[in-house]
Protein backbone atom coordinates (compact mmCIF):
# COMPACT_ATOMS: atom_id res chain seq x y z
CA MET A 1 1.14 -29.00 6.57
CA LEU A 2 0.18 -25.99 4.11
CA LEU A 3 1.61 -27.78 1.17
CA SER A 4 -0.44 -31.15 2.00
CA ILE A 5 -3.55 -28.97 2.19
CA LEU A 6 -2.94 -27.39 -1.24
CA THR A 7 -1.82 -30.55 -2.91
CA GLU A 8 -4.85 -32.43 -1.77
CA GLY A 9 -7.15 -30.03 -3.35
CA TYR A 10 -5.33 -30.40 -6.63
CA ILE A 11 -5.58 -34.28 -6.55
CA ARG A 12 -9.27 -33.99 -5.80
CA PHE A 13 -9.97 -31.59 -8.54
CA GLY A 14 -8.00 -33.67 -11.06
CA LEU A 15 -9.68 -37.00 -9.90
CA SER A 16 -13.00 -35.11 -10.36
CA ILE A 17 -12.14 -34.03 -13.94
CA ILE A 18 -11.01 -37.58 -14.90
CA VAL A 19 -14.25 -39.10 -13.55
CA ALA A 20 -16.30 -36.47 -15.25
CA ILE A 21 -14.69 -37.46 -18.63
CA ILE A 22 -15.16 -41.18 -18.16
CA LEU A 23 -18.83 -40.60 -17.29
CA ILE A 24 -19.35 -38.43 -20.67
CA VAL A 25 -17.71 -41.20 -22.47
CA ILE A 26 -19.80 -43.90 -21.25
CA LEU A 27 -22.99 -41.79 -21.83
CA ILE A 28 -21.94 -41.06 -25.44
CA ARG A 29 -21.32 -44.75 -26.02
CA PHE A 30 -24.60 -45.97 -24.57
CA ARG A 31 -26.59 -43.57 -26.65
CA ALA A 32 -24.75 -44.67 -29.90
CA LYS A 33 -25.70 -48.11 -29.06
CA LYS A 34 -29.21 -47.48 -28.20
CA ASN A 35 -30.07 -45.76 -31.70
CA PRO A 36 -28.08 -47.84 -34.20
CA ALA A 37 -27.95 -46.32 -37.70
CA LYS A 38 -30.31 -47.86 -40.26
CA SER A 39 -29.07 -49.20 -43.45
CA SER A 40 -30.65 -47.59 -46.69
CA LEU A 41 -32.40 -51.09 -47.36
CA ASP A 42 -33.70 -51.15 -43.92
CA ILE A 43 -35.47 -47.64 -44.47
CA LEU A 44 -36.52 -48.59 -47.79
CA LYS A 45 -38.29 -51.78 -46.53
CA GLU A 46 -39.90 -49.54 -43.65
CA ARG A 47 -41.28 -47.07 -45.99
CA HIS A 48 -42.61 -49.81 -48.38
CA SER A 49 -44.31 -51.65 -45.45
CA LYS A 50 -45.93 -48.43 -44.28
CA GLY A 51 -47.26 -47.72 -47.67
CA GLU A 52 -45.27 -44.83 -48.45
CA ILE A 53 -43.70 -45.93 -51.67
CA THR A 54 -45.22 -48.49 -54.07
CA LYS A 55 -43.84 -51.94 -54.97
CA GLU A 56 -42.50 -50.38 -58.41
CA GLU A 57 -40.72 -47.77 -56.39
CA TYR A 58 -39.32 -50.43 -53.94
CA ASP A 59 -38.09 -52.58 -56.85
CA GLU A 60 -36.56 -49.58 -58.52
CA ALA A 61 -34.89 -48.41 -55.51
CA ARG A 62 -33.45 -51.79 -54.57
CA LYS A 63 -32.05 -52.18 -58.05
CA GLN A 64 -30.26 -48.85 -57.89
CA GLN A 65 -28.75 -49.90 -54.80
CA LYS A 66 -27.32 -53.20 -56.27
CA ASN A 67 -25.84 -51.10 -59.01
CA GLU A 68 -23.96 -48.94 -56.54
């Protein structure tokens, strides 16, 4: 009887750790999908549309990206 009480505690502890790890993995993957990485061309287009860079700077940066 004493052995079953001790074993039950270890099983619950082990299952709790496994569930916690699974939840952490799910949360990390969910956050990664929520904020996808933008390509450099997307960032360039966004900056041009906001007026942070001129048309000439935009064209020059696009040419540089095509060369790489």
